[in-house]
Amino acid sequence: MDFAGELAAPYYPEYVRQLGATESIVGIIGFVAFMALASVQFPGGYLADKYGRKWLVSTMTFGVALSYIFFAIAPTWHFILIGTLVANLCLLYQPALLAMMADSMPPERRGMGYSIINLIMSVTTTPAAAVGLALIVQFSLVGGLRIGYTVIVVFFLAAATLRLRLKESITKNPGKMQLRELVNSYPEALKEGIGIWKLVPRSTFFLFISGLLVRFSFAITQFNMLFYVLDVLLISEEIWGLATIALFTTMIIFAFPVGKLIDKIGRKVPLILSFLVMLPAIFLFIYGDVRRLFIALPLFGIGQLLAMSAYMSLLADLVPREQRGTVIGSSNFFSYMFMAFGSLMGGIIYQVVSPQMPFFIMIIAIIPALFLMLFLVHEPEKREE
């Protein structure tokens, strides 16, 4: 899935723009995507804890795979909107998958575990970025991405079939769920998802707020980065493709050292380092040229690697196994709500106000997240199993 998805991901915003969308419409599509994702997080987490992880992950992956047919055949951006909505509703399985990962790692090896996951993703996405670049050079951006999205459908269906072989990671007997309960469970899931923050350690809540600000900051710039490279920095799509390859290569190189660092010195310091790496990367990107782009993107890669591995490790350390699905679902719900508005704001601000402004807002959002991490987030004395 990582390989196939990265064939098209670096060029997705420009693909939608060439299908007739404006920067604001791309932001609106992002808004719909994140709102759809948010809407399924509470039931996804609730059902993952009550009925198990496996069935959600294995069945809903088929829906995600088929949704990309809309991307492959899209004559206009409206089809992208439909495919985006279907794909993100099917990501009902996301809390279950994240909980299954946390369940499957021993506490003392979580840093390395999440780094290995990121390593696998980077190893597969690095050649994918090169293949995606070759496709757009050979067939043009739109033609190449139509082929890329067709490959996504095939590969995702294969992955969905493999996921049928997953083994359940919770020990209690989950029983069988009726389809009707998927709808009926929402009020209870919402209640539990909000109430869960009273049951977990206070550091979990502040970790969540810090992560919320970071996710918002990335959402406001996510789709604008390629536009900024093409429109403001006047760098070609081909150079952008090469820079993304450099990003993934950097993540491959640093995956093991980051994992060892997180397990050796703890989770908090690497999280703080992630902020300190990303801030100069943003400035290099805003005032960029080709050379600075090849510095900024690898720095973003190192920052993301530190943040993702340390954040998920610390979250698993703080939250008991039987509450992880609910905590992840609740955390994702609010994060995706913020990301939805960030995506919407980013597209409008880029088009109406200034192309640079979303990136300055990103900096403003990251600074309080850094201070929350410094003063209010603490690692537990004993890590949860």
Protein backbone atom coordinates (compact mmCIF):
# COMPACT_ATOMS: atom_id res chain seq x y z
CA MET A 1 0.00 0.00 0.00
CA ASP A 2 2.84 2.40 0.81
CA PHE A 3 4.56 1.72 -2.51
CA ALA A 4 1.43 2.17 -4.61
CA GLY A 5 0.17 5.19 -2.71
CA GLU A 6 3.40 7.10 -3.20
CA LEU A 7 3.24 6.74 -6.99
CA ALA A 8 0.69 9.54 -7.04
CA ALA A 9 0.89 11.28 -3.65
CA PRO A 10 3.69 13.82 -4.43
CA TYR A 11 1.75 15.15 -7.43
CA TYR A 12 -1.83 14.80 -6.17
CA PRO A 13 -2.55 18.56 -5.65
CA GLU A 14 -1.44 19.46 -9.17
CA TYR A 15 -3.41 16.50 -10.59
CA VAL A 16 -6.58 17.88 -9.03
CA ARG A 17 -5.73 21.40 -10.21
CA GLN A 18 -5.26 20.16 -13.78
CA LEU A 19 -8.70 18.53 -13.57
CA GLY A 20 -10.18 22.00 -13.15
CA ALA A 21 -9.88 22.75 -9.44
CA THR A 22 -8.51 25.92 -7.89
CA GLU A 23 -6.26 25.98 -4.81
CA SER A 24 -9.33 26.72 -2.70
CA ILE A 25 -11.19 23.72 -4.15
CA VAL A 26 -8.20 21.50 -3.37
CA GLY A 27 -8.47 22.81 0.21
CA ILE A 28 -12.21 22.05 0.24
CA ILE A 29 -11.54 18.48 -0.91
CA GLY A 30 -9.03 18.19 1.93
CA PHE A 31 -11.68 19.54 4.31
CA VAL A 32 -14.15 16.85 3.16
CA ALA A 33 -11.46 14.17 3.50
CA PHE A 34 -10.57 15.06 7.07
CA MET A 35 -14.20 15.56 8.13
CA ALA A 36 -15.03 12.09 6.78
CA LEU A 37 -12.02 10.68 8.63
CA ALA A 38 -13.09 12.43 11.82
CA SER A 39 -16.64 11.07 11.58
CA VAL A 40 -15.48 7.44 11.72
CA GLN A 41 -12.85 7.72 14.45
CA PHE A 42 -15.16 7.36 17.46
CA PRO A 43 -16.99 4.29 16.16
CA GLY A 44 -13.70 2.94 14.77
CA GLY A 45 -11.99 3.12 18.17
CA TYR A 46 -15.06 1.90 20.06
CA LEU A 47 -15.59 -1.10 17.77
CA ALA A 48 -11.85 -1.92 17.81
CA ASP A 49 -11.88 -2.23 21.61
CA LYS A 50 -15.26 -4.00 21.83
CA TYR A 51 -15.15 -6.38 18.87
CA GLY A 52 -11.47 -6.65 18.00
CA ARG A 53 -9.05 -5.17 15.51
CA LYS A 54 -8.78 -7.75 12.73
CA TRP A 55 -12.23 -7.70 11.14
CA LEU A 56 -12.27 -3.88 10.84
CA VAL A 57 -8.83 -3.73 9.24
CA SER A 58 -9.28 -6.64 6.85
CA THR A 59 -12.75 -5.76 5.52
CA MET A 60 -12.53 -1.98 5.23
CA THR A 61 -9.26 -2.10 3.26
CA PHE A 62 -11.27 -3.47 0.32
CA GLY A 63 -13.44 -0.35 0.38
CA VAL A 64 -10.40 1.93 0.38
CA ALA A 65 -8.96 0.02 -2.59
CA LEU A 66 -12.10 0.34 -4.72
CA SER A 67 -12.48 4.06 -3.94
CA TYR A 68 -9.36 4.81 -6.02
CA ILE A 69 -11.21 3.84 -9.19
CA PHE A 70 -12.74 7.33 -9.00
CA PHE A 71 -9.23 8.85 -8.97
CA ALA A 72 -8.07 6.80 -11.96
CA ILE A 73 -11.01 7.62 -14.25
CA ALA A 74 -11.77 11.17 -13.05
CA PRO A 75 -12.68 13.52 -15.94
CA THR A 76 -13.07 16.43 -13.48
CA TRP A 77 -12.18 17.18 -9.87
CA HIS A 78 -15.72 16.23 -8.78
CA PHE A 79 -14.81 12.53 -9.12
CA ILE A 80 -11.80 13.12 -6.86
CA LEU A 81 -14.18 14.54 -4.26
CA ILE A 82 -16.37 11.40 -4.41
CA GLY A 83 -13.40 9.04 -4.24
CA THR A 84 -11.91 10.99 -1.34
CA LEU A 85 -15.16 10.77 0.63
CA VAL A 86 -15.50 7.01 0.10
CA ALA A 87 -11.84 6.29 0.89
CA ASN A 88 -11.84 8.22 4.14
CA LEU A 89 -15.13 6.77 5.38
CA CYS A 90 -13.64 3.31 4.83
CA LEU A 91 -10.70 4.32 7.03
CA LEU A 92 -13.02 3.40 9.89
CA TYR A 93 -10.34 0.75 10.47
CA GLN A 94 -7.58 3.27 11.27
CA PRO A 95 -7.88 3.20 15.10
CA ALA A 96 -7.98 -0.61 14.97
CA LEU A 97 -4.79 -0.80 12.90
CA LEU A 98 -2.92 1.66 15.13
CA ALA A 99 -4.12 -0.17 18.25
CA MET A 100 -3.03 -3.51 16.75
CA MET A 101 0.46 -2.10 16.14
CA ALA A 102 0.72 -0.84 19.72
CA ASP A 103 -0.60 -4.15 21.08
CA SER A 104 2.04 -6.08 19.18
CA MET A 105 5.16 -4.32 20.49
CA PRO A 106 6.94 -4.89 23.83
CA PRO A 107 7.21 -1.62 25.81
CA GLU A 108 11.00 -1.51 25.84
CA ARG A 109 11.20 -1.84 22.04
CA ARG A 110 8.44 0.49 20.89
CA GLY A 111 10.79 3.21 19.65
CA MET A 112 12.59 0.73 17.41
CA GLY A 113 9.28 -0.89 16.44
CA TYR A 114 7.73 2.32 15.12
CA SER A 115 11.02 3.29 13.47
CA ILE A 116 11.08 -0.06 11.65
CA ILE A 117 7.52 0.59 10.45
CA ASN A 118 8.66 3.98 9.15
CA LEU A 119 11.74 2.33 7.62
CA ILE A 120 9.58 -0.18 5.73
CA MET A 121 7.38 2.67 4.50
CA SER A 122 10.40 4.67 3.35
CA VAL A 123 12.06 1.68 1.67
CA THR A 124 8.93 1.05 -0.37
CA THR A 125 8.09 4.68 -1.08
CA THR A 126 11.55 5.69 -2.28
CA PRO A 127 11.44 3.58 -5.47
CA ALA A 128 7.75 4.47 -5.80
CA ALA A 129 8.65 8.17 -5.96
CA ALA A 130 11.13 7.36 -8.74
CA VAL A 131 8.52 5.29 -10.64
CA GLY A 132 5.95 8.07 -10.20
CA LEU A 133 8.44 10.60 -11.55
CA ALA A 134 9.11 8.35 -14.57
CA LEU A 135 5.37 8.05 -15.21
CA ILE A 136 4.77 11.79 -15.35
CA VAL A 137 7.86 12.36 -17.51
CA GLN A 138 6.72 9.67 -19.95
CA PHE A 139 2.95 10.20 -19.99
CA SER A 140 2.46 13.77 -18.64
CA LEU A 141 1.22 14.51 -15.12
CA VAL A 142 -2.44 13.60 -15.71
CA GLY A 143 -1.73 10.55 -17.87
CA GLY A 144 0.97 9.26 -15.55
CA LEU A 145 -1.20 9.64 -12.46
CA ARG A 146 -4.12 7.82 -14.10
CA ILE A 147 -1.78 4.86 -14.48
CA GLY A 148 -0.55 5.38 -10.92
CA TYR A 149 -4.07 5.32 -9.47
CA THR A 150 -4.88 2.16 -11.44
CA VAL A 151 -1.84 0.51 -9.86
CA ILE A 152 -3.10 1.71 -6.45
CA VAL A 153 -6.43 -0.11 -6.96
CA VAL A 154 -4.67 -3.39 -7.85
CA PHE A 155 -2.06 -3.21 -5.07
CA PHE A 156 -4.56 -2.15 -2.42
CA LEU A 157 -6.84 -5.08 -3.31
CA ALA A 158 -3.84 -7.40 -2.95
CA ALA A 159 -3.05 -5.83 0.45
CA ALA A 160 -6.67 -6.21 1.55
CA THR A 161 -6.49 -9.92 0.68
CA LEU A 162 -3.27 -10.30 2.71
CA ARG A 163 -4.89 -8.56 5.68
CA LEU A 164 -7.41 -11.39 5.91
CA ARG A 165 -4.49 -13.36 7.42
CA LEU A 166 -3.98 -10.95 10.34
CA LYS A 167 -4.31 -12.37 13.84
CA GLU A 168 -6.41 -10.68 16.51
CA SER A 169 -4.34 -8.79 19.11
CA ILE A 170 -6.83 -8.57 22.00
CA THR A 171 -7.38 -11.61 24.18
CA LYS A 172 -11.04 -11.25 25.11
CA ASN A 173 -13.64 -12.94 22.93
CA PRO A 174 -14.96 -10.11 20.74
CA GLY A 175 -18.12 -11.88 19.59
CA LYS A 176 -19.99 -10.96 16.43
CA MET A 177 -21.24 -7.52 15.54
CA GLN A 178 -24.42 -6.79 13.62
CA LEU A 179 -24.21 -4.17 10.86
CA ARG A 180 -27.00 -2.21 12.54
CA GLU A 181 -24.81 -1.77 15.61
CA LEU A 182 -22.28 0.16 13.54
CA VAL A 183 -24.79 3.02 13.48
CA ASN A 184 -26.33 2.44 16.90
CA SER A 185 -22.92 2.41 18.60
CA TYR A 186 -22.12 6.01 17.61
CA PRO A 187 -23.69 7.80 20.62
CA GLU A 188 -22.03 5.39 23.05
CA ALA A 189 -18.74 5.65 21.18
CA LEU A 190 -18.93 9.45 21.28
CA LYS A 191 -19.62 9.42 25.01
CA GLU A 192 -16.75 7.02 25.72
CA GLY A 193 -14.40 8.88 23.37
CA ILE A 194 -14.86 12.15 25.25
CA GLY A 195 -14.93 10.57 28.72
CA ILE A 196 -11.75 8.58 28.14
CA TRP A 197 -9.60 11.69 28.76
CA LYS A 198 -10.68 11.67 32.41
CA LEU A 199 -9.35 8.13 32.83
CA VAL A 200 -5.90 8.40 31.24
CA PRO A 201 -2.85 10.20 32.74
CA ARG A 202 -2.79 14.00 32.36
CA SER A 203 0.32 13.79 30.20
CA THR A 204 -1.74 11.89 27.63
CA PHE A 205 -4.07 14.87 27.24
CA PHE A 206 -1.26 17.40 26.85
CA LEU A 207 0.51 15.07 24.41
CA PHE A 208 -2.73 14.99 22.43
CA ILE A 209 -3.07 18.81 22.41
CA SER A 210 0.53 19.19 21.25
CA GLY A 211 -0.06 16.67 18.48
CA LEU A 212 -3.28 18.48 17.56
CA LEU A 213 -1.41 21.72 16.93
CA VAL A 214 1.26 19.97 14.85
CA ARG A 215 -1.30 18.15 12.71
CA PHE A 216 -3.17 21.41 12.12
CA SER A 217 0.05 23.09 11.07
CA PHE A 218 0.81 20.36 8.53
CA ALA A 219 -2.76 20.35 7.20
CA ILE A 220 -2.65 24.06 6.42
CA THR A 221 0.41 23.54 4.20
CA GLN A 222 -0.01 19.93 3.03
CA PHE A 223 -1.50 20.60 -0.40
CA ASN A 224 0.16 23.98 -0.84
CA MET A 225 3.75 22.75 -0.81
CA LEU A 226 3.68 21.57 -4.43
CA PHE A 227 1.78 24.68 -5.53
CA TYR A 228 4.38 26.86 -3.79
CA VAL A 229 7.24 24.99 -5.46
CA LEU A 230 5.67 25.35 -8.91
CA ASP A 231 4.15 28.84 -8.63
CA VAL A 232 6.51 30.77 -6.35
CA LEU A 233 9.87 29.01 -6.35
CA LEU A 234 9.43 28.18 -10.08
CA ILE A 235 10.89 24.72 -9.60
CA SER A 236 9.72 21.99 -11.99
CA GLU A 237 7.64 18.91 -11.17
CA GLU A 238 10.65 16.74 -12.03
CA ILE A 239 12.90 18.50 -9.49
CA TRP A 240 10.11 18.20 -6.90
CA GLY A 241 10.00 14.44 -7.60
CA LEU A 242 13.74 14.14 -7.06
CA ALA A 243 13.47 16.10 -3.80
CA THR A 244 10.81 13.69 -2.48
CA ILE A 245 13.17 10.81 -3.27
CA ALA A 246 15.80 12.58 -1.17
CA LEU A 247 13.25 12.91 1.64
CA PHE A 248 12.46 9.17 1.71
CA THR A 249 16.13 8.23 1.37
CA THR A 250 16.90 10.35 4.45
CA MET A 251 14.15 8.56 6.39
CA ILE A 252 15.68 5.20 5.44
CA ILE A 253 19.13 6.28 6.66
CA PHE A 254 17.88 7.67 9.97
CA ALA A 255 15.19 5.07 10.80
CA PHE A 256 17.37 2.75 12.92
CA PRO A 257 19.34 5.51 14.71
CA VAL A 258 16.08 7.28 15.60
CA GLY A 259 14.54 4.05 16.91
CA LYS A 260 17.58 3.32 19.08
CA LEU A 261 17.61 6.91 20.34
CA ILE A 262 13.93 6.75 21.39
CA ASP A 263 14.38 3.45 23.25
CA LYS A 264 17.64 4.56 24.89
CA ILE A 265 16.91 8.10 26.11
CA GLY A 266 13.11 8.06 26.18
CA ARG A 267 10.34 9.57 24.10
CA LYS A 268 10.17 13.21 25.21
CA VAL A 269 13.59 14.44 24.07
CA PRO A 270 13.17 13.08 20.50
CA LEU A 271 9.76 14.77 20.34
CA ILE A 272 11.33 18.08 21.31
CA LEU A 273 14.11 17.53 18.77
CA SER A 274 11.48 16.99 16.06
CA PHE A 275 10.21 20.56 16.60
CA LEU A 276 13.72 21.99 16.58
CA VAL A 277 14.44 20.27 13.26
CA MET A 278 11.19 21.25 11.55
CA LEU A 279 11.29 24.98 12.33
CA PRO A 280 14.45 25.76 10.28
CA ALA A 281 13.15 23.42 7.55
CA ILE A 282 10.07 25.63 7.14
CA PHE A 283 12.16 28.78 6.74
CA LEU A 284 14.44 27.06 4.20
CA PHE A 285 11.36 26.05 2.24
CA ILE A 286 9.71 29.51 2.32
CA TYR A 287 12.86 31.26 1.09
CA GLY A 288 13.88 28.33 -1.05
CA ASP A 289 15.61 27.51 -4.28
CA VAL A 290 16.64 24.12 -5.66
CA ARG A 291 19.53 23.72 -3.20
CA ARG A 292 17.47 24.73 -0.16
CA LEU A 293 14.61 22.47 -1.24
CA PHE A 294 17.00 19.50 -1.13
CA ILE A 295 17.94 20.52 2.43
CA ALA A 296 14.44 21.38 3.66
CA LEU A 297 12.66 18.16 2.61
CA PRO A 298 15.20 15.79 4.22
CA LEU A 299 14.97 17.90 7.41
CA PHE A 300 11.19 17.50 7.27
CA GLY A 301 11.77 13.76 6.90
CA ILE A 302 13.98 13.59 10.00
CA GLY A 303 11.49 15.69 11.96
CA GLN A 304 8.56 13.50 10.95
CA LEU A 305 10.51 10.35 11.75
CA LEU A 306 11.34 11.60 15.24
CA ALA A 307 7.80 12.86 15.84
CA MET A 308 5.87 9.84 14.56
CA SER A 309 7.96 7.18 16.26
CA ALA A 310 8.29 8.99 19.60
CA TYR A 311 4.64 10.16 19.70
CA MET A 312 3.15 6.72 19.08
CA SER A 313 5.63 5.10 21.49
CA LEU A 314 4.76 7.57 24.27
CA LEU A 315 1.03 7.21 23.63
CA ALA A 316 1.32 3.43 23.93
CA ASP A 317 3.43 3.83 27.10
CA LEU A 318 0.74 5.97 28.73
CA VAL A 319 -2.49 4.20 27.69
CA PRO A 320 -3.55 0.70 28.83
CA ARG A 321 -4.16 -1.85 26.07
CA GLU A 322 -7.91 -2.06 26.65
CA GLN A 323 -8.30 1.72 26.19
CA ARG A 324 -5.99 2.25 23.22
CA GLY A 325 -8.60 1.92 20.49
CA THR A 326 -10.86 4.47 22.21
CA VAL A 327 -8.00 6.91 22.92
CA ILE A 328 -6.67 6.68 19.36
CA GLY A 329 -10.17 7.07 17.93
CA SER A 330 -10.91 10.11 20.10
CA SER A 331 -7.51 11.66 19.43
CA ASN A 332 -7.88 11.14 15.70
CA PHE A 333 -11.43 12.56 15.70
CA PHE A 334 -10.38 15.92 17.10
CA SER A 335 -7.12 15.95 15.13
CA TYR A 336 -8.93 15.38 11.84
CA MET A 337 -11.47 18.07 12.70
CA PHE A 338 -8.62 20.55 13.16
CA MET A 339 -6.90 19.26 10.04
CA ALA A 340 -10.13 19.68 8.05
CA PHE A 341 -10.31 23.37 8.90
CA GLY A 342 -6.55 23.69 8.42
CA SER A 343 -6.83 22.28 4.90
CA LEU A 344 -9.77 24.57 4.11
CA MET A 345 -7.98 27.63 5.50
CA GLY A 346 -4.73 26.75 3.76
CA GLY A 347 -6.27 26.61 0.29
CA ILE A 348 -8.18 29.86 0.71
CA ILE A 349 -5.28 31.75 2.32
CA TYR A 350 -2.88 30.56 -0.38
CA GLN A 351 -5.17 31.72 -3.18
CA VAL A 352 -6.67 34.88 -1.65
CA VAL A 353 -4.14 36.26 0.86
CA SER A 354 -0.57 35.11 0.21
CA PRO A 355 1.21 31.88 -0.80
CA GLN A 356 3.68 32.37 2.08
CA MET A 357 1.07 32.94 4.79
CA PRO A 358 0.09 29.24 5.40
CA PHE A 359 3.73 28.44 6.14
CA PHE A 360 4.05 31.30 8.64
CA ILE A 361 0.87 30.05 10.35
CA MET A 362 2.55 26.62 10.52
CA ILE A 363 5.41 28.16 12.49
CA ILE A 364 3.00 29.95 14.83
CA ALA A 365 1.18 26.66 15.57
CA ILE A 366 4.35 24.64 16.21
CA ILE A 367 5.79 26.98 18.88
CA PRO A 368 3.05 26.43 21.55
CA ALA A 369 3.15 22.70 20.77
CA LEU A 370 6.86 22.76 21.64
CA PHE A 371 6.24 24.49 24.99
CA LEU A 372 3.46 22.03 25.89
CA MET A 373 5.88 19.19 25.24
CA LEU A 374 8.62 20.85 27.29
CA PHE A 375 6.63 21.63 30.44
CA LEU A 376 3.42 19.54 30.61
CA VAL A 377 4.19 16.17 29.03
CA HIS A 378 5.99 13.63 31.22
CA GLU A 379 6.96 10.03 30.57
CA PRO A 380 5.40 7.40 32.88
CA GLU A 381 7.49 5.67 35.52
CA LYS A 382 6.21 2.33 34.26
CA ARG A 383 5.29 1.79 30.62
CA GLU A 384 1.98 0.10 29.80
CA GLU A 385 2.21 -3.36 28.26
